[in-house]
PDB file of N, CA and C in Angstrom:
ATOM      1  N   MET A   1      69.739 -60.721 -98.552  1.00  0.00           N
ATOM      2  CA  MET A   1      69.384 -61.321 -97.280  1.00  0.00           C
ATOM      3  C   MET A   1      70.672 -61.828 -96.631  1.00  0.00           C
ATOM      4  N   ARG A   2      70.843 -61.517 -95.359  1.00  0.00           N
ATOM      5  CA  ARG A   2      72.015 -61.981 -94.631  1.00  0.00           C
ATOM      6  C   ARG A   2      71.885 -63.466 -94.321  1.00  0.00           C
ATOM      7  N   TRP A   3      73.048 -64.121 -94.104  1.00  0.00           N
ATOM      8  CA  TRP A   3      73.031 -65.571 -93.872  1.00  0.00           C
ATOM      9  C   TRP A   3      72.286 -65.925 -92.602  1.00  0.00           C
ATOM     10  N   ALA A   4      72.352 -65.074 -91.564  1.00  0.00           N
ATOM     11  CA  ALA A   4      71.649 -65.360 -90.318  1.00  0.00           C
ATOM     12  C   ALA A   4      70.136 -65.315 -90.523  1.00  0.00           C
ATOM     13  N   GLU A   5      69.695 -64.383 -91.353  1.00  0.00           N
ATOM     14  CA  GLU A   5      68.263 -64.304 -91.639  1.00  0.00           C
ATOM     15  C   GLU A   5      67.795 -65.541 -92.402  1.00  0.00           C
ATOM     16  N   ALA A   6      68.593 -65.977 -93.367  1.00  0.00           N
ATOM     17  CA  ALA A   6      68.242 -67.174 -94.134  1.00  0.00           C
ATOM     18  C   ALA A   6      68.198 -68.400 -93.234  1.00  0.00           C
ATOM     19  N   LEU A   7      69.139 -68.481 -92.306  1.00  0.00           N
ATOM     20  CA  LEU A   7      69.158 -69.601 -91.373  1.00  0.00           C
ATOM     21  C   LEU A   7      67.910 -69.604 -90.501  1.00  0.00           C
ATOM     22  N   LEU A   8      67.528 -68.426 -90.014  1.00  0.00           N
ATOM     23  CA  LEU A   8      66.316 -68.342 -89.198  1.00  0.00           C
ATOM     24  C   LEU A   8      65.071 -68.697 -89.998  1.00  0.00           C
ATOM     25  N   LEU A   9      65.013 -68.273 -91.249  1.00  0.00           N
ATOM     26  CA  LEU A   9      63.855 -68.610 -92.077  1.00  0.00           C
ATOM     27  C   LEU A   9      63.773 -70.104 -92.320  1.00  0.00           C
ATOM     28  N   ASP A  10      64.929 -70.747 -92.488  1.00  0.00           N
ATOM     29  CA  ASP A  10      64.927 -72.192 -92.695  1.00  0.00           C
ATOM     30  C   ASP A  10      64.534 -72.948 -91.438  1.00  0.00           C
ATOM     31  N   SER A  11      64.846 -72.408 -90.261  1.00  0.00           N
ATOM     32  CA  SER A  11      64.571 -73.124 -89.022  1.00  0.00           C
ATOM     33  C   SER A  11      63.145 -72.918 -88.516  1.00  0.00           C
ATOM     34  N   VAL A  12      62.452 -71.918 -89.028  1.00  0.00           N
ATOM     35  CA  VAL A  12      61.078 -71.640 -88.609  1.00  0.00           C
ATOM     36  C   VAL A  12      60.133 -72.490 -89.450  1.00  0.00           C
ATOM     37  N   PRO A  13      59.261 -73.294 -88.801  1.00  0.00           N
ATOM     38  CA  PRO A  13      58.334 -74.115 -89.589  1.00  0.00           C
ATOM     39  C   PRO A  13      57.373 -73.237 -90.372  1.00  0.00           C
ATOM     40  N   ASN A  14      57.150 -73.597 -91.618  1.00  0.00           N
ATOM     41  CA  ASN A  14      56.270 -72.833 -92.505  1.00  0.00           C
ATOM     42  C   ASN A  14      54.887 -73.456 -92.520  1.00  0.00           C
ATOM     43  N   THR A  15      53.917 -72.816 -91.871  1.00  0.00           N
ATOM     44  CA  THR A  15      52.544 -73.281 -91.979  1.00  0.00           C
ATOM     45  C   THR A  15      51.904 -72.657 -93.213  1.00  0.00           C
ATOM     46  N   SER A  16      52.311 -71.444 -93.497  1.00  0.00           N
ATOM     47  CA  SER A  16      51.911 -70.775 -94.732  1.00  0.00           C
ATOM     48  C   SER A  16      53.091 -69.920 -95.156  1.00  0.00           C
ATOM     49  N   ALA A  17      53.179 -69.636 -96.399  1.00  0.00           N
ATOM     50  CA  ALA A  17      54.321 -68.872 -96.901  1.00  0.00           C
ATOM     51  C   ALA A  17      54.162 -67.407 -96.481  1.00  0.00           C
ATOM     52  N   PRO A  18      55.013 -66.933 -95.563  1.00  0.00           N
ATOM     53  CA  PRO A  18      54.902 -65.544 -95.125  1.00  0.00           C
ATOM     54  C   PRO A  18      55.450 -64.603 -96.189  1.00  0.00           C
ATOM     55  N   SER A  19      54.916 -63.412 -96.214  1.00  0.00           N
ATOM     56  CA  SER A  19      55.454 -62.420 -97.132  1.00  0.00           C
ATOM     57  C   SER A  19      56.808 -61.955 -96.599  1.00  0.00           C
ATOM     58  N   GLN A  20      57.552 -61.244 -97.420  1.00  0.00           N
ATOM     59  CA  GLN A  20      58.890 -60.777 -97.037  1.00  0.00           C
ATOM     60  C   GLN A  20      58.807 -59.882 -95.797  1.00  0.00           C
ATOM     61  N   GLY A  21      57.798 -59.030 -95.713  1.00  0.00           N
ATOM     62  CA  GLY A  21      57.648 -58.137 -94.564  1.00  0.00           C
ATOM     63  C   GLY A  21      57.363 -58.898 -93.276  1.00  0.00           C
ATOM     64  N   GLN A  22      56.510 -59.934 -93.363  1.00  0.00           N
ATOM     65  CA  GLN A  22      56.204 -60.741 -92.189  1.00  0.00           C
ATOM     66  C   GLN A  22      57.422 -61.527 -91.742  1.00  0.00           C
ATOM     67  N   ALA A  23      58.174 -62.049 -92.701  1.00  0.00           N
ATOM     68  CA  ALA A  23      59.378 -62.805 -92.366  1.00  0.00           C
ATOM     69  C   ALA A  23      60.397 -61.899 -91.692  1.00  0.00           C
ATOM     70  N   GLN A  24      60.557 -60.671 -92.185  1.00  0.00           N
ATOM     71  CA  GLN A  24      61.520 -59.736 -91.599  1.00  0.00           C
ATOM     72  C   GLN A  24      61.105 -59.368 -90.180  1.00  0.00           C
ATOM     73  N   THR A  25      59.835 -59.171 -89.927  1.00  0.00           N
ATOM     74  CA  THR A  25      59.353 -58.843 -88.585  1.00  0.00           C
ATOM     75  C   THR A  25      59.618 -59.993 -87.632  1.00  0.00           C
ATOM     76  N   GLN A  26      59.389 -61.200 -88.087  1.00  0.00           N
ATOM     77  CA  GLN A  26      59.636 -62.364 -87.250  1.00  0.00           C
ATOM     78  C   GLN A  26      61.123 -62.494 -86.935  1.00  0.00           C
ATOM     79  N   ILE A  27      61.973 -62.260 -87.911  1.00  0.00           N
ATOM     80  CA  ILE A  27      63.422 -62.323 -87.696  1.00  0.00           C
ATOM     81  C   ILE A  27      63.848 -61.247 -86.708  1.00  0.00           C
ATOM     82  N   ASP A  28      63.321 -60.036 -86.854  1.00  0.00           N
ATOM     83  CA  ASP A  28      63.667 -58.957 -85.931  1.00  0.00           C
ATOM     84  C   ASP A  28      63.299 -59.320 -84.499  1.00  0.00           C
ATOM     85  N   ARG A  29      62.135 -59.940 -84.308  1.00  0.00           N
ATOM     86  CA  ARG A  29      61.711 -60.342 -82.968  1.00  0.00           C
ATOM     87  C   ARG A  29      62.659 -61.382 -82.388  1.00  0.00           C
ATOM     88  N   GLU A  30      63.079 -62.338 -83.209  1.00  0.00           N
ATOM     89  CA  GLU A  30      63.936 -63.410 -82.717  1.00  0.00           C
ATOM     90  C   GLU A  30      65.354 -62.933 -82.446  1.00  0.00           C
ATOM     91  N   LEU A  31      65.821 -61.950 -83.202  1.00  0.00           N
ATOM     92  CA  LEU A  31      67.193 -61.469 -83.027  1.00  0.00           C
ATOM     93  C   LEU A  31      67.340 -60.484 -81.874  1.00  0.00           C
ATOM     94  N   LYS A  32      66.262 -59.827 -81.501  1.00  0.00           N
ATOM     95  CA  LYS A  32      66.351 -58.864 -80.412  1.00  0.00           C
ATOM     96  C   LYS A  32      66.489 -59.599 -79.081  1.00  0.00           C
ATOM     97  N   HIS A  33      67.335 -59.075 -78.234  1.00  0.00           N
ATOM     98  CA  HIS A  33      67.502 -59.629 -76.897  1.00  0.00           C
ATOM     99  C   HIS A  33      67.939 -58.516 -75.966  1.00  0.00           C
ATOM    100  N   SER A  34      67.830 -58.777 -74.710  1.00  0.00           N
ATOM    101  CA  SER A  34      68.210 -57.756 -73.740  1.00  0.00           C
ATOM    102  C   SER A  34      69.727 -57.623 -73.713  1.00  0.00           C
ATOM    103  N   PRO A  35      70.220 -56.433 -73.406  1.00  0.00           N
ATOM    104  CA  PRO A  35      71.679 -56.247 -73.350  1.00  0.00           C
ATOM    105  C   PRO A  35      72.288 -57.092 -72.237  1.00  0.00           C
ATOM    106  N   ARG A  36      73.469 -57.608 -72.504  1.00  0.00           N
ATOM    107  CA  ARG A  36      74.160 -58.437 -71.525  1.00  0.00           C
ATOM    108  C   ARG A  36      75.310 -57.656 -70.920  1.00  0.00           C
ATOM    109  N   HIS A  37      75.622 -57.987 -69.705  1.00  0.00           N
ATOM    110  CA  HIS A  37      76.748 -57.384 -69.013  1.00  0.00           C
ATOM    111  C   HIS A  37      77.848 -58.428 -68.856  1.00  0.00           C
ATOM    112  N   MET A  38      79.058 -57.970 -68.555  1.00  0.00           N
ATOM    113  CA  MET A  38      80.167 -58.891 -68.428  1.00  0.00           C
ATOM    114  C   MET A  38      79.908 -59.913 -67.314  1.00  0.00           C
ATOM    115  N   ASN A  39      79.248 -59.526 -66.271  1.00  0.00           N
ATOM    116  CA  ASN A  39      78.965 -60.454 -65.172  1.00  0.00           C
ATOM    117  C   ASN A  39      78.041 -61.595 -65.591  1.00  0.00           C
ATOM    118  N   ASP A  40      77.255 -61.406 -66.651  1.00  0.00           N
ATOM    119  CA  ASP A  40      76.353 -62.459 -67.121  1.00  0.00           C
ATOM    120  C   ASP A  40      77.104 -63.649 -67.696  1.00  0.00           C
ATOM    121  N   SER A  41      78.296 -63.420 -68.221  1.00  0.00           N
ATOM    122  CA  SER A  41      79.040 -64.508 -68.844  1.00  0.00           C
ATOM    123  C   SER A  41      80.377 -64.772 -68.153  1.00  0.00           C
ATOM    124  N   TYR A  42      80.560 -64.256 -66.960  1.00  0.00           N
ATOM    125  CA  TYR A  42      81.813 -64.449 -66.229  1.00  0.00           C
ATOM    126  C   TYR A  42      81.875 -65.853 -65.647  1.00  0.00           C
ATOM    127  N   SER A  43      83.009 -66.497 -65.841  1.00  0.00           N
ATOM    128  CA  SER A  43      83.234 -67.828 -65.267  1.00  0.00           C
ATOM    129  C   SER A  43      84.608 -67.859 -64.628  1.00  0.00           C
ATOM    130  N   GLU A  44      84.710 -68.605 -63.579  1.00  0.00           N
ATOM    131  CA  GLU A  44      85.988 -68.725 -62.876  1.00  0.00           C
ATOM    132  C   GLU A  44      86.233 -70.186 -62.573  1.00  0.00           C
ATOM    133  N   LEU A  45      87.462 -70.623 -62.783  1.00  0.00           N
ATOM    134  CA  LEU A  45      87.839 -72.000 -62.535  1.00  0.00           C
ATOM    135  C   LEU A  45      89.072 -71.994 -61.649  1.00  0.00           C
ATOM    136  N   ILE A  46      88.986 -72.615 -60.502  1.00  0.00           N
ATOM    137  CA  ILE A  46      90.118 -72.700 -59.584  1.00  0.00           C
ATOM    138  C   ILE A  46      90.653 -74.117 -59.648  1.00  0.00           C
ATOM    139  N   LEU A  47      91.895 -74.239 -60.105  1.00  0.00           N
ATOM    140  CA  LEU A  47      92.538 -75.541 -60.203  1.00  0.00           C
ATOM    141  C   LEU A  47      93.676 -75.592 -59.190  1.00  0.00           C
ATOM    142  N   PRO A  48      93.616 -76.501 -58.224  1.00  0.00           N
ATOM    143  CA  PRO A  48      94.629 -76.556 -57.152  1.00  0.00           C
ATOM    144  C   PRO A  48      95.903 -77.278 -57.603  1.00  0.00           C
ATOM    145  N   PHE A  49      96.689 -76.625 -58.459  1.00  0.00           N
ATOM    146  CA  PHE A  49      97.912 -77.240 -58.971  1.00  0.00           C
ATOM    147  C   PHE A  49      98.933 -77.510 -57.873  1.00  0.00           C
ATOM    148  N   GLY A  50      98.988 -76.649 -56.869  1.00  0.00           N
ATOM    149  CA  GLY A  50      99.968 -76.819 -55.795  1.00  0.00           C
ATOM    150  C   GLY A  50      99.709 -78.036 -54.929  1.00  0.00           C
ATOM    151  N   SER A  51      98.467 -78.407 -54.752  1.00  0.00           N
ATOM    152  CA  SER A  51      98.147 -79.530 -53.864  1.00  0.00           C
ATOM    153  C   SER A  51      97.799 -80.815 -54.598  1.00  0.00           C
ATOM    154  N   ASP A  52      97.704 -80.779 -55.916  1.00  0.00           N
ATOM    155  CA  ASP A  52      97.327 -81.968 -56.680  1.00  0.00           C
ATOM    156  C   ASP A  52      98.283 -82.168 -57.861  1.00  0.00           C
ATOM    157  N   PRO A  53      99.362 -82.953 -57.671  1.00  0.00           N
ATOM    158  CA  PRO A  53     100.343 -83.148 -58.742  1.00  0.00           C
ATOM    159  C   PRO A  53      99.759 -83.817 -59.994  1.00  0.00           C
ATOM    160  N   GLN A  54      98.766 -84.690 -59.834  1.00  0.00           N
ATOM    161  CA  GLN A  54      98.154 -85.346 -60.990  1.00  0.00           C
ATOM    162  C   GLN A  54      97.407 -84.318 -61.851  1.00  0.00           C
ATOM    163  N   LEU A  55      96.724 -83.390 -61.212  1.00  0.00           N
ATOM    164  CA  LEU A  55      96.030 -82.328 -61.927  1.00  0.00           C
ATOM    165  C   LEU A  55      97.029 -81.439 -62.659  1.00  0.00           C
ATOM    166  N   LEU A  56      98.125 -81.138 -61.995  1.00  0.00           N
ATOM    167  CA  LEU A  56      99.175 -80.338 -62.626  1.00  0.00           C
ATOM    168  C   LEU A  56      99.711 -81.046 -63.865  1.00  0.00           C
ATOM    169  N   GLU A  57      99.878 -82.346 -63.790  1.00  0.00           N
ATOM    170  CA  GLU A  57     100.371 -83.127 -64.926  1.00  0.00           C
ATOM    171  C   GLU A  57      99.388 -83.079 -66.099  1.00  0.00           C
ATOM    172  N   GLN A  58      98.086 -83.111 -65.817  1.00  0.00           N
ATOM    173  CA  GLN A  58      97.066 -83.082 -66.870  1.00  0.00           C
ATOM    174  C   GLN A  58      97.027 -81.739 -67.595  1.00  0.00           C
ATOM    175  N   TYR A  59      97.283 -80.665 -66.876  1.00  0.00           N
ATOM    176  CA  TYR A  59      97.144 -79.321 -67.441  1.00  0.00           C
ATOM    177  C   TYR A  59      98.474 -78.699 -67.859  1.00  0.00           C
ATOM    178  N   THR A  60      99.567 -79.440 -67.811  1.00  0.00           N
ATOM    179  CA  THR A  60     100.868 -78.909 -68.205  1.00  0.00           C
ATOM    180  C   THR A  60     101.188 -79.370 -69.618  1.00  0.00           C
ATOM    181  N   ASN A  61     101.630 -78.407 -70.472  1.00  0.00           N
ATOM    182  CA  ASN A  61     102.006 -78.788 -71.835  1.00  0.00           C
ATOM    183  C   ASN A  61     103.478 -79.196 -71.881  1.00  0.00           C
ATOM    184  N   ALA A  62     103.969 -79.544 -73.050  1.00  0.00           N
ATOM    185  CA  ALA A  62     105.325 -80.072 -73.210  1.00  0.00           C
ATOM    186  C   ALA A  62     106.405 -79.069 -72.806  1.00  0.00           C
ATOM    187  N   SER A  63     106.131 -77.781 -72.932  1.00  0.00           N
ATOM    188  CA  SER A  63     107.134 -76.783 -72.577  1.00  0.00           C
ATOM    189  C   SER A  63     107.005 -76.303 -71.126  1.00  0.00           C
ATOM    190  N   GLY A  64     106.110 -76.910 -70.356  1.00  0.00           N
ATOM    191  CA  GLY A  64     105.973 -76.572 -68.945  1.00  0.00           C
ATOM    192  C   GLY A  64     104.910 -75.526 -68.642  1.00  0.00           C
ATOM    193  N   GLY A  65     104.225 -75.026 -69.668  1.00  0.00           N
ATOM    194  CA  GLY A  65     103.166 -74.043 -69.460  1.00  0.00           C
ATOM    195  C   GLY A  65     101.828 -74.702 -69.195  1.00  0.00           C
ATOM    196  N   ILE A  66     100.850 -73.884 -68.907  1.00  0.00           N
ATOM    197  CA  ILE A  66      99.499 -74.379 -68.633  1.00  0.00           C
ATOM    198  C   ILE A  66      98.734 -74.501 -69.947  1.00  0.00           C
ATOM    199  N   ARG A  67      98.014 -75.596 -70.129  1.00  0.00           N
ATOM    200  CA  ARG A  67      97.183 -75.820 -71.311  1.00  0.00           C
ATOM    201  C   ARG A  67      95.876 -75.041 -71.157  1.00  0.00           C
ATOM    202  N   MET A  68      95.853 -73.832 -71.693  1.00  0.00           N
ATOM    203  CA  MET A  68      94.687 -72.962 -71.543  1.00  0.00           C
ATOM    204  C   MET A  68      93.462 -73.520 -72.262  1.00  0.00           C
ATOM    205  N   GLY A  69      93.659 -74.143 -73.419  1.00  0.00           N
ATOM    206  CA  GLY A  69      92.533 -74.719 -74.149  1.00  0.00           C
ATOM    207  C   GLY A  69      91.814 -75.777 -73.343  1.00  0.00           C
ATOM    208  N   LYS A  70      92.549 -76.590 -72.631  1.00  0.00           N
ATOM    209  CA  LYS A  70      91.941 -77.643 -71.809  1.00  0.00           C
ATOM    210  C   LYS A  70      91.119 -77.019 -70.680  1.00  0.00           C
ATOM    211  N   SER A  71      91.616 -75.942 -70.092  1.00  0.00           N
ATOM    212  CA  SER A  71      90.856 -75.313 -69.021  1.00  0.00           C
ATOM    213  C   SER A  71      89.589 -74.652 -69.554  1.00  0.00           C
ATOM    214  N   VAL A  72      89.645 -74.087 -70.760  1.00  0.00           N
ATOM    215  CA  VAL A  72      88.447 -73.484 -71.362  1.00  0.00           C
ATOM    216  C   VAL A  72      87.407 -74.559 -71.654  1.00  0.00           C
ATOM    217  N   VAL A  73      87.852 -75.720 -72.116  1.00  0.00           N
ATOM    218  CA  VAL A  73      86.930 -76.821 -72.385  1.00  0.00           C
ATOM    219  C   VAL A  73      86.265 -77.280 -71.089  1.00  0.00           C
ATOM    220  N   GLU A  74      86.993 -77.255 -69.993  1.00  0.00           N
ATOM    221  CA  GLU A  74      86.411 -77.640 -68.699  1.00  0.00           C
ATOM    222  C   GLU A  74      85.340 -76.648 -68.252  1.00  0.00           C
ATOM    223  N   ILE A  75      85.539 -75.359 -68.548  1.00  0.00           N
ATOM    224  CA  ILE A  75      84.572 -74.335 -68.159  1.00  0.00           C
ATOM    225  C   ILE A  75      83.336 -74.407 -69.049  1.00  0.00           C
ATOM    226  N   TYR A  76      83.546 -74.487 -70.365  1.00  0.00           N
ATOM    227  CA  TYR A  76      82.459 -74.493 -71.350  1.00  0.00           C
ATOM    228  C   TYR A  76      82.482 -75.811 -72.122  1.00  0.00           C
ATOM    229  N   PRO A  77      81.920 -76.878 -71.567  1.00  0.00           N
ATOM    230  CA  PRO A  77      81.985 -78.188 -72.263  1.00  0.00           C
ATOM    231  C   PRO A  77      81.193 -78.216 -73.547  1.00  0.00           C
TER     232      PRO A  77
END
């Protein structure tokens, strides 16, 4: 049994002990999803570094580059 299947079995409340076949069918239903396109997860962040020196200071690392991790955290908190 894969770890994802075990995790799903643990998270599903057990009203009665399902057989292995029933558990596998339930896992298959939960794991199936519609295909996603790149536009479904596209995010864009515009930071006005030229007009906001304080913002530039927050996003600049010690060597003068942009702190990409901080911008990713802002997009996906």
